[in-house]
Each structure stands twice: as structure tokens, then as C-alpha cells.
Amino acid sequence: MVAKAKKEAAVKAKVGSAAKAQKPKAPAAVKQGGAGVTAKAKAMATKRAKDLNISIEDLTLADAVRAIQRAEGNFDCFGTAIVYCDQADCYWRFACLTIA
């Protein structure tokens, strides 16, 4: 009985370490927020904020986009999605899912 328990524990440990080893790694550009995407999103945020006559100075990209989303009457959820986003028509979706 003890041998069986030890064997089961060994199998669980092996499976657990194998699962950790197989964890998919995000590309470096995604980990860093995708420099191209971030730059494009910042430019879009600056233009959009100017059009809405709101100040986004001294705000992070995420906070700036959320302020714009609130000003437009949308959900202020930029960068909060984990794997899935149900806001298919969102103007910021491309950047949000890349940066988040």
C-alpha cells in the first residue's frame, strides 16, 4: 500500500513538472507590450483624446485609453482581459489583447 502511494506521488510530481515545462511562452514582442503596437496605440490615444478635448498627460497608456473609453461612454476595460475579450467592436481591441 505504501509503495503504491509513493508511486502515485512520483507520477503526480512528474506530470506536474512536465506541465510546467510545456507552458506556452509568449513572444518577446508581446511580453514587452509589442513596441510597434504600443507606439501606434499611444499615437491613437493622443489623437482621440485631442478630439474629445480631454487631457491624458502624465497617464500610462492603459489609464489614458480607459479615460478615453469612459469619455466615449464605453466600458473602461483596456488591458484587463485575460485570454478572451467579448468587446468585438472595440476600437482598442488590437492593442488591448496584445498588451494585456
Foldseek 3Di string as FASTA:
>chain_A
DVVVVVVVVVVVVVVVVVVVVPPDDDPPCLVVLNVVLLVVLVVVLVVLCVVLVHDCPPHDSLVSQLVSCVSVVHHSCQQPDDPDDPCVVDPCVVSRVSHD
